[in-house]
PDB file of all heavy atoms in Angstrom:
ATOM      1  N   GLY A   1       6.776  -6.854  -9.083  1.00  0.00           N
ATOM      2  CA  GLY A   1       5.661  -7.553  -8.466  1.00  0.00           C
ATOM      3  C   GLY A   1       4.864  -6.666  -7.549  1.00  0.00           C
ATOM      4  O   GLY A   1       5.349  -5.594  -7.118  1.00  0.00           O
ATOM      5  N   ASP A   2       3.647  -7.054  -7.246  1.00  0.00           N
ATOM      6  CA  ASP A   2       2.789  -6.246  -6.364  1.00  0.00           C
ATOM      7  C   ASP A   2       3.356  -6.162  -4.949  1.00  0.00           C
ATOM      8  O   ASP A   2       3.276  -5.103  -4.299  1.00  0.00           O
ATOM      9  CB  ASP A   2       1.376  -6.836  -6.326  1.00  0.00           C
ATOM     10  CG  ASP A   2       0.631  -6.649  -7.658  1.00  0.00           C
ATOM     11  OD1 ASP A   2       0.953  -5.688  -8.358  1.00  0.00           O
ATOM     12  OD2 ASP A   2      -0.235  -7.480  -7.939  1.00  0.00           O
ATOM     13  N   GLU A   3       3.938  -7.234  -4.433  1.00  0.00           N
ATOM     14  CA  GLU A   3       4.487  -7.190  -3.060  1.00  0.00           C
ATOM     15  C   GLU A   3       5.646  -6.199  -3.007  1.00  0.00           C
ATOM     16  O   GLU A   3       5.757  -5.422  -2.037  1.00  0.00           O
ATOM     17  CB  GLU A   3       4.958  -8.576  -2.683  1.00  0.00           C
ATOM     18  CG  GLU A   3       3.841  -9.595  -2.488  1.00  0.00           C
ATOM     19  CD  GLU A   3       4.365 -10.897  -1.956  1.00  0.00           C
ATOM     20  OE1 GLU A   3       5.584 -10.962  -1.668  1.00  0.00           O
ATOM     21  OE2 GLU A   3       3.573 -11.866  -1.838  1.00  0.00           O
ATOM     22  N   GLU A   4       6.508  -6.211  -3.998  1.00  0.00           N
ATOM     23  CA  GLU A   4       7.621  -5.283  -3.998  1.00  0.00           C
ATOM     24  C   GLU A   4       7.144  -3.845  -4.141  1.00  0.00           C
ATOM     25  O   GLU A   4       7.687  -2.918  -3.486  1.00  0.00           O
ATOM     26  CB  GLU A   4       8.588  -5.620  -5.157  1.00  0.00           C
ATOM     27  CG  GLU A   4       9.363  -6.928  -4.983  1.00  0.00           C
ATOM     28  CD  GLU A   4       8.500  -8.161  -5.263  1.00  0.00           C
ATOM     29  OE1 GLU A   4       7.340  -7.992  -5.681  1.00  0.00           O
ATOM     30  OE2 GLU A   4       9.005  -9.284  -5.061  1.00  0.00           O
ATOM     31  N   ALA A   5       6.147  -3.613  -4.981  1.00  0.00           N
ATOM     32  CA  ALA A   5       5.607  -2.265  -5.143  1.00  0.00           C
ATOM     33  C   ALA A   5       4.990  -1.772  -3.851  1.00  0.00           C
ATOM     34  O   ALA A   5       5.202  -0.606  -3.448  1.00  0.00           O
ATOM     35  CB  ALA A   5       4.584  -2.232  -6.281  1.00  0.00           C
ATOM     36  N   CYS A   6       4.236  -2.624  -3.176  1.00  0.00           N
ATOM     37  CA  CYS A   6       3.635  -2.195  -1.886  1.00  0.00           C
ATOM     38  C   CYS A   6       4.728  -1.891  -0.845  1.00  0.00           C
ATOM     39  O   CYS A   6       4.581  -0.967  -0.052  1.00  0.00           O
ATOM     40  CB  CYS A   6       2.716  -3.313  -1.378  1.00  0.00           C
ATOM     41  SG  CYS A   6       1.209  -3.542  -2.334  1.00  0.00           S
ATOM     42  N   ALA A   7       5.809  -2.651  -0.844  1.00  0.00           N
ATOM     43  CA  ALA A   7       6.888  -2.400   0.100  1.00  0.00           C
ATOM     44  C   ALA A   7       7.528  -1.035  -0.128  1.00  0.00           C
ATOM     45  O   ALA A   7       7.832  -0.305   0.816  1.00  0.00           O
ATOM     46  CB  ALA A   7       7.929  -3.495   0.026  1.00  0.00           C
ATOM     47  N   VAL A   8       7.699  -0.661  -1.407  1.00  0.00           N
ATOM     48  CA  VAL A   8       8.303   0.644  -1.737  1.00  0.00           C
ATOM     49  C   VAL A   8       7.390   1.772  -1.302  1.00  0.00           C
ATOM     50  O   VAL A   8       7.823   2.741  -0.656  1.00  0.00           O
ATOM     51  CB  VAL A   8       8.624   0.708  -3.225  1.00  0.00           C
ATOM     52  CG1 VAL A   8       9.071   2.125  -3.603  1.00  0.00           C
ATOM     53  CG2 VAL A   8       9.710  -0.309  -3.603  1.00  0.00           C
ATOM     54  N   LEU A   9       6.107   1.670  -1.626  1.00  0.00           N
ATOM     55  CA  LEU A   9       5.151   2.728  -1.265  1.00  0.00           C
ATOM     56  C   LEU A   9       5.000   2.825   0.237  1.00  0.00           C
ATOM     57  O   LEU A   9       4.909   3.903   0.802  1.00  0.00           O
ATOM     58  CB  LEU A   9       3.806   2.471  -1.928  1.00  0.00           C
ATOM     59  CG  LEU A   9       3.774   2.442  -3.460  1.00  0.00           C
ATOM     60  CD1 LEU A   9       2.381   2.189  -3.978  1.00  0.00           C
ATOM     61  CD2 LEU A   9       4.308   3.747  -4.018  1.00  0.00           C
ATOM     62  N   LEU A  10       4.967   1.671   0.898  1.00  0.00           N
ATOM     63  CA  LEU A  10       4.819   1.667   2.357  1.00  0.00           C
ATOM     64  C   LEU A  10       5.986   2.346   3.017  1.00  0.00           C
ATOM     65  O   LEU A  10       5.803   3.163   3.926  1.00  0.00           O
ATOM     66  CB  LEU A  10       4.667   0.221   2.840  1.00  0.00           C
ATOM     67  CG  LEU A  10       4.455   0.027   4.334  1.00  0.00           C
ATOM     68  CD1 LEU A  10       3.124   0.628   4.764  1.00  0.00           C
ATOM     69  CD2 LEU A  10       4.449  -1.487   4.659  1.00  0.00           C
ATOM     70  N   GLU A  11       7.188   2.054   2.580  1.00  0.00           N
ATOM     71  CA  GLU A  11       8.364   2.680   3.172  1.00  0.00           C
ATOM     72  C   GLU A  11       8.353   4.203   2.956  1.00  0.00           C
ATOM     73  O   GLU A  11       8.743   4.963   3.848  1.00  0.00           O
ATOM     74  CB  GLU A  11       9.624   2.059   2.536  1.00  0.00           C
ATOM     75  CG  GLU A  11      10.927   2.631   3.117  1.00  0.00           C
ATOM     76  CD  GLU A  11      12.157   2.001   2.478  1.00  0.00           C
ATOM     77  OE1 GLU A  11      11.982   1.238   1.494  1.00  0.00           O
ATOM     78  OE2 GLU A  11      13.267   2.302   2.935  1.00  0.00           O
ATOM     79  N   ALA A  12       7.896   4.651   1.791  1.00  0.00           N
ATOM     80  CA  ALA A  12       7.889   6.069   1.503  1.00  0.00           C
ATOM     81  C   ALA A  12       6.913   6.819   2.391  1.00  0.00           C
ATOM     82  O   ALA A  12       7.216   7.887   2.933  1.00  0.00           O
ATOM     83  CB  ALA A  12       7.574   6.317   0.035  1.00  0.00           C
ATOM     84  N   VAL A  13       5.734   6.243   2.595  1.00  0.00           N
ATOM     85  CA  VAL A  13       4.708   6.931   3.405  1.00  0.00           C
ATOM     86  C   VAL A  13       5.076   6.878   4.878  1.00  0.00           C
ATOM     87  O   VAL A  13       4.908   7.863   5.619  1.00  0.00           O
ATOM     88  CB  VAL A  13       3.318   6.306   3.156  1.00  0.00           C
ATOM     89  CG1 VAL A  13       2.263   6.954   4.048  1.00  0.00           C
ATOM     90  CG2 VAL A  13       2.931   6.464   1.673  1.00  0.00           C
ATOM     91  N   VAL A  14       5.579   5.758   5.348  1.00  0.00           N
ATOM     92  CA  VAL A  14       6.020   5.651   6.753  1.00  0.00           C
ATOM     93  C   VAL A  14       7.164   6.642   7.022  1.00  0.00           C
ATOM     94  O   VAL A  14       7.294   7.195   8.116  1.00  0.00           O
ATOM     95  CB  VAL A  14       6.424   4.224   7.094  1.00  0.00           C
ATOM     96  CG1 VAL A  14       7.056   4.155   8.474  1.00  0.00           C
ATOM     97  CG2 VAL A  14       5.231   3.293   7.032  1.00  0.00           C
ATOM     98  N   GLY A  15       7.957   6.908   5.993  1.00  0.00           N
ATOM     99  CA  GLY A  15       9.043   7.884   6.168  1.00  0.00           C
ATOM    100  C   GLY A  15       8.552   9.304   6.454  1.00  0.00           C
ATOM    101  O   GLY A  15       9.329  10.133   6.921  1.00  0.00           O
ATOM    102  N   LEU A  16       7.266   9.579   6.153  1.00  0.00           N
ATOM    103  CA  LEU A  16       6.689  10.897   6.459  1.00  0.00           C
ATOM    104  C   LEU A  16       6.256  11.000   7.912  1.00  0.00           C
ATOM    105  O   LEU A  16       5.789  12.057   8.330  1.00  0.00           O
ATOM    106  CB  LEU A  16       5.490  11.146   5.543  1.00  0.00           C
ATOM    107  CG  LEU A  16       5.776  11.236   4.036  1.00  0.00           C
ATOM    108  CD1 LEU A  16       4.472  11.427   3.277  1.00  0.00           C
ATOM    109  CD2 LEU A  16       6.726  12.393   3.755  1.00  0.00           C
ATOM    110  N   GLY A  17       6.352   9.906   8.660  1.00  0.00           N
ATOM    111  CA  GLY A  17       5.908   9.927  10.071  1.00  0.00           C
ATOM    112  C   GLY A  17       4.504   9.368  10.248  1.00  0.00           C
ATOM    113  O   GLY A  17       3.958   9.437  11.355  1.00  0.00           O
ATOM    114  N   VAL A  18       3.898   8.804   9.190  1.00  0.00           N
ATOM    115  CA  VAL A  18       2.586   8.202   9.285  1.00  0.00           C
ATOM    116  C   VAL A  18       2.772   6.732   9.580  1.00  0.00           C
ATOM    117  O   VAL A  18       3.357   5.973   8.794  1.00  0.00           O
ATOM    118  CB  VAL A  18       1.790   8.389   7.966  1.00  0.00           C
ATOM    119  CG1 VAL A  18       0.396   7.808   8.109  1.00  0.00           C
ATOM    120  CG2 VAL A  18       1.734   9.843   7.598  1.00  0.00           C
ATOM    121  N   ARG A  19       2.243   6.291  10.737  1.00  0.00           N
ATOM    122  CA  ARG A  19       2.501   4.921  11.184  1.00  0.00           C
ATOM    123  C   ARG A  19       1.468   3.923  10.730  1.00  0.00           C
ATOM    124  O   ARG A  19       1.757   2.819  10.339  1.00  0.00           O
ATOM    125  CB  ARG A  19       2.584   4.883  12.729  1.00  0.00           C
ATOM    126  CG  ARG A  19       3.689   5.777  13.301  1.00  0.00           C
ATOM    127  CD  ARG A  19       5.016   5.436  12.665  1.00  0.00           C
ATOM    128  NE  ARG A  19       6.096   6.331  13.120  1.00  0.00           N
ATOM    129  CZ  ARG A  19       7.279   6.404  12.550  1.00  0.00           C
ATOM    130  NH1 ARG A  19       7.549   5.652  11.508  1.00  0.00           N
ATOM    131  NH2 ARG A  19       8.186   7.243  13.014  1.00  0.00           N
ATOM    132  N   ASP A  20       0.186   4.318  10.767  1.00  0.00           N
ATOM    133  CA  ASP A  20      -0.893   3.384  10.398  1.00  0.00           C
ATOM    134  C   ASP A  20      -1.162   3.508   8.900  1.00  0.00           C
ATOM    135  O   ASP A  20      -1.938   4.362   8.438  1.00  0.00           O
ATOM    136  CB  ASP A  20      -2.150   3.713  11.205  1.00  0.00           C
ATOM    137  CG  ASP A  20      -3.149   2.559  11.128  1.00  0.00           C
ATOM    138  OD1 ASP A  20      -2.941   1.639  10.345  1.00  0.00           O
ATOM    139  OD2 ASP A  20      -4.167   2.597  11.869  1.00  0.00           O
ATOM    140  N   VAL A  21      -0.508   2.664   8.117  1.00  0.00           N
ATOM    141  CA  VAL A  21      -0.630   2.638   6.656  1.00  0.00           C
ATOM    142  C   VAL A  21      -1.028   1.235   6.248  1.00  0.00           C
ATOM    143  O   VAL A  21      -0.438   0.252   6.697  1.00  0.00           O
ATOM    144  CB  VAL A  21       0.685   3.042   5.970  1.00  0.00           C
ATOM    145  CG1 VAL A  21       0.469   3.178   4.481  1.00  0.00           C
ATOM    146  CG2 VAL A  21       1.220   4.357   6.556  1.00  0.00           C
ATOM    147  N   ARG A  22      -2.049   1.116   5.383  1.00  0.00           N
ATOM    148  CA  ARG A  22      -2.522  -0.191   4.929  1.00  0.00           C
ATOM    149  C   ARG A  22      -2.765  -0.133   3.429  1.00  0.00           C
ATOM    150  O   ARG A  22      -3.282   0.874   2.920  1.00  0.00           O
ATOM    151  CB  ARG A  22      -3.800  -0.584   5.679  1.00  0.00           C
ATOM    152  CG  ARG A  22      -3.668  -0.394   7.187  1.00  0.00           C
ATOM    153  CD  ARG A  22      -4.881  -0.779   7.958  1.00  0.00           C
ATOM    154  NE  ARG A  22      -4.748  -0.394   9.360  1.00  0.00           N
ATOM    155  CZ  ARG A  22      -5.384  -1.020  10.352  1.00  0.00           C
ATOM    156  NH1 ARG A  22      -6.172  -2.045  10.105  1.00  0.00           N
ATOM    157  NH2 ARG A  22      -5.214  -0.584  11.573  1.00  0.00           N
ATOM    158  N   LEU A  23      -2.398  -1.202   2.735  1.00  0.00           N
ATOM    159  CA  LEU A  23      -2.523  -1.235   1.296  1.00  0.00           C
ATOM    160  C   LEU A  23      -3.296  -2.461   0.874  1.00  0.00           C
ATOM    161  O   LEU A  23      -3.278  -3.531   1.531  1.00  0.00           O
ATOM    162  CB  LEU A  23      -1.147  -1.246   0.622  1.00  0.00           C
ATOM    163  CG  LEU A  23      -0.266  -0.008   0.812  1.00  0.00           C
ATOM    164  CD1 LEU A  23       0.674  -0.224   1.982  1.00  0.00           C
ATOM    165  CD2 LEU A  23       0.509   0.313  -0.441  1.00  0.00           C
ATOM    166  N   GLY A  24      -3.950  -2.344  -0.290  1.00  0.00           N
ATOM    167  CA  GLY A  24      -4.658  -3.450  -0.899  1.00  0.00           C
ATOM    168  C   GLY A  24      -4.470  -3.414  -2.411  1.00  0.00           C
ATOM    169  O   GLY A  24      -4.479  -2.330  -3.006  1.00  0.00           O
ATOM    170  N   VAL A  25      -4.307  -4.569  -3.009  1.00  0.00           N
ATOM    171  CA  VAL A  25      -4.128  -4.689  -4.443  1.00  0.00           C
ATOM    172  C   VAL A  25      -5.098  -5.735  -4.962  1.00  0.00           C
ATOM    173  O   VAL A  25      -5.210  -6.838  -4.375  1.00  0.00           O
ATOM    174  CB  VAL A  25      -2.673  -5.097  -4.812  1.00  0.00           C
ATOM    175  CG1 VAL A  25      -2.518  -5.160  -6.322  1.00  0.00           C
ATOM    176  CG2 VAL A  25      -1.679  -4.117  -4.203  1.00  0.00           C
ATOM    177  N   ALA A  26      -5.797  -5.410  -6.048  1.00  0.00           N
ATOM    178  CA  ALA A  26      -6.777  -6.331  -6.616  1.00  0.00           C
ATOM    179  C   ALA A  26      -7.001  -5.960  -8.072  1.00  0.00           C
ATOM    180  O   ALA A  26      -6.371  -5.040  -8.608  1.00  0.00           O
ATOM    181  CB  ALA A  26      -8.085  -6.289  -5.819  1.00  0.00           C
ATOM    182  N   ASP A  27      -7.949  -6.670  -8.705  1.00  0.00           N
ATOM    183  CA  ASP A  27      -8.221  -6.438 -10.098  1.00  0.00           C
ATOM    184  C   ASP A  27      -9.092  -5.195 -10.335  1.00  0.00           C
ATOM    185  O   ASP A  27      -9.146  -4.731 -11.461  1.00  0.00           O
ATOM    186  CB  ASP A  27      -8.952  -7.661 -10.708  1.00  0.00           C
ATOM    187  CG  ASP A  27      -8.039  -8.889 -10.737  1.00  0.00           C
ATOM    188  OD1 ASP A  27      -6.826  -8.695 -10.759  1.00  0.00           O
ATOM    189  OD2 ASP A  27      -8.581 -10.012 -10.752  1.00  0.00           O
ATOM    190  N   ASP A  28      -9.781  -4.701  -9.310  1.00  0.00           N
ATOM    191  CA  ASP A  28     -10.657  -3.548  -9.473  1.00  0.00           C
ATOM    192  C   ASP A  28     -10.575  -2.703  -8.219  1.00  0.00           C
ATOM    193  O   ASP A  28     -10.039  -3.072  -7.191  1.00  0.00           O
ATOM    194  CB  ASP A  28     -12.093  -3.994  -9.733  1.00  0.00           C
ATOM    195  CG  ASP A  28     -12.665  -4.786  -8.566  1.00  0.00           C
ATOM    196  OD1 ASP A  28     -12.504  -6.021  -8.538  1.00  0.00           O
ATOM    197  OD2 ASP A  28     -13.263  -4.150  -7.681  1.00  0.00           O
ATOM    198  N   LEU A  29     -11.179  -1.484  -8.307  1.00  0.00           N
ATOM    199  CA  LEU A  29     -11.084  -0.507  -7.246  1.00  0.00           C
ATOM    200  C   LEU A  29     -11.828  -0.934  -6.006  1.00  0.00           C
ATOM    201  O   LEU A  29     -11.281  -0.811  -4.883  1.00  0.00           O
ATOM    202  CB  LEU A  29     -11.621   0.842  -7.767  1.00  0.00           C
ATOM    203  CG  LEU A  29     -11.649   2.008  -6.771  1.00  0.00           C
ATOM    204  CD1 LEU A  29     -10.261   2.273  -6.197  1.00  0.00           C
ATOM    205  CD2 LEU A  29     -12.193   3.230  -7.443  1.00  0.00           C
ATOM    206  N   PHE A  30     -13.046  -1.440  -6.125  1.00  0.00           N
ATOM    207  CA  PHE A  30     -13.805  -1.829  -4.946  1.00  0.00           C
ATOM    208  C   PHE A  30     -13.123  -2.921  -4.161  1.00  0.00           C
ATOM    209  O   PHE A  30     -12.991  -2.849  -2.932  1.00  0.00           O
ATOM    210  CB  PHE A  30     -15.222  -2.248  -5.383  1.00  0.00           C
ATOM    211  CG  PHE A  30     -16.048  -2.800  -4.266  1.00  0.00           C
ATOM    212  CD1 PHE A  30     -16.563  -1.959  -3.294  1.00  0.00           C
ATOM    213  CD2 PHE A  30     -16.298  -4.175  -4.145  1.00  0.00           C
ATOM    214  CE1 PHE A  30     -17.334  -2.457  -2.249  1.00  0.00           C
ATOM    215  CE2 PHE A  30     -17.055  -4.659  -3.119  1.00  0.00           C
ATOM    216  CZ  PHE A  30     -17.579  -3.803  -2.169  1.00  0.00           C
ATOM    217  N   THR A  31     -12.630  -3.917  -4.857  1.00  0.00           N
ATOM    218  CA  THR A  31     -11.978  -5.032  -4.178  1.00  0.00           C
ATOM    219  C   THR A  31     -10.685  -4.584  -3.539  1.00  0.00           C
ATOM    220  O   THR A  31     -10.323  -5.015  -2.413  1.00  0.00           O
ATOM    221  CB  THR A  31     -11.702  -6.179  -5.154  1.00  0.00           C
ATOM    222  OG1 THR A  31     -12.921  -6.518  -5.820  1.00  0.00           O
ATOM    223  CG2 THR A  31     -11.188  -7.396  -4.436  1.00  0.00           C
ATOM    224  N   ALA A  32      -9.939  -3.708  -4.209  1.00  0.00           N
ATOM    225  CA  ALA A  32      -8.681  -3.230  -3.643  1.00  0.00           C
ATOM    226  C   ALA A  32      -8.915  -2.420  -2.361  1.00  0.00           C
ATOM    227  O   ALA A  32      -8.163  -2.513  -1.389  1.00  0.00           O
ATOM    228  CB  ALA A  32      -7.953  -2.363  -4.654  1.00  0.00           C
ATOM    229  N   GLU A  33     -10.006  -1.624  -2.312  1.00  0.00           N
ATOM    230  CA  GLU A  33     -10.288  -0.865  -1.112  1.00  0.00           C
ATOM    231  C   GLU A  33     -10.656  -1.796   0.052  1.00  0.00           C
ATOM    232  O   GLU A  33     -10.195  -1.607   1.182  1.00  0.00           O
ATOM    233  CB  GLU A  33     -11.435   0.117  -1.330  1.00  0.00           C
ATOM    234  CG  GLU A  33     -11.801   0.922  -0.083  1.00  0.00           C
ATOM    235  CD  GLU A  33     -12.914   1.894  -0.297  1.00  0.00           C
ATOM    236  OE1 GLU A  33     -13.341   2.066  -1.468  1.00  0.00           O
ATOM    237  OE2 GLU A  33     -13.371   2.503   0.686  1.00  0.00           O
ATOM    238  N   GLN A  34     -11.470  -2.823  -0.231  1.00  0.00           N
ATOM    239  CA  GLN A  34     -11.826  -3.749   0.838  1.00  0.00           C
ATOM    240  C   GLN A  34     -10.611  -4.543   1.311  1.00  0.00           C
ATOM    241  O   GLN A  34     -10.491  -4.861   2.505  1.00  0.00           O
ATOM    242  CB  GLN A  34     -12.925  -4.717   0.346  1.00  0.00           C
ATOM    243  CG  GLN A  34     -14.206  -4.012  -0.117  1.00  0.00           C
ATOM    244  CD  GLN A  34     -14.691  -3.009   0.891  1.00  0.00           C
ATOM    245  OE1 GLN A  34     -14.754  -3.298   2.100  1.00  0.00           O
ATOM    246  NE2 GLN A  34     -15.068  -1.821   0.424  1.00  0.00           N
TER     247      GLN A  34
END
């Protein structure tokens, strides 16, 4: 699922020491960025 995928990616990037991480998932690129 998308929630599980976002949790995995979020944990990996935060593990690099980057604290401010935000994700978006949608049907297209523009909507996902917003």
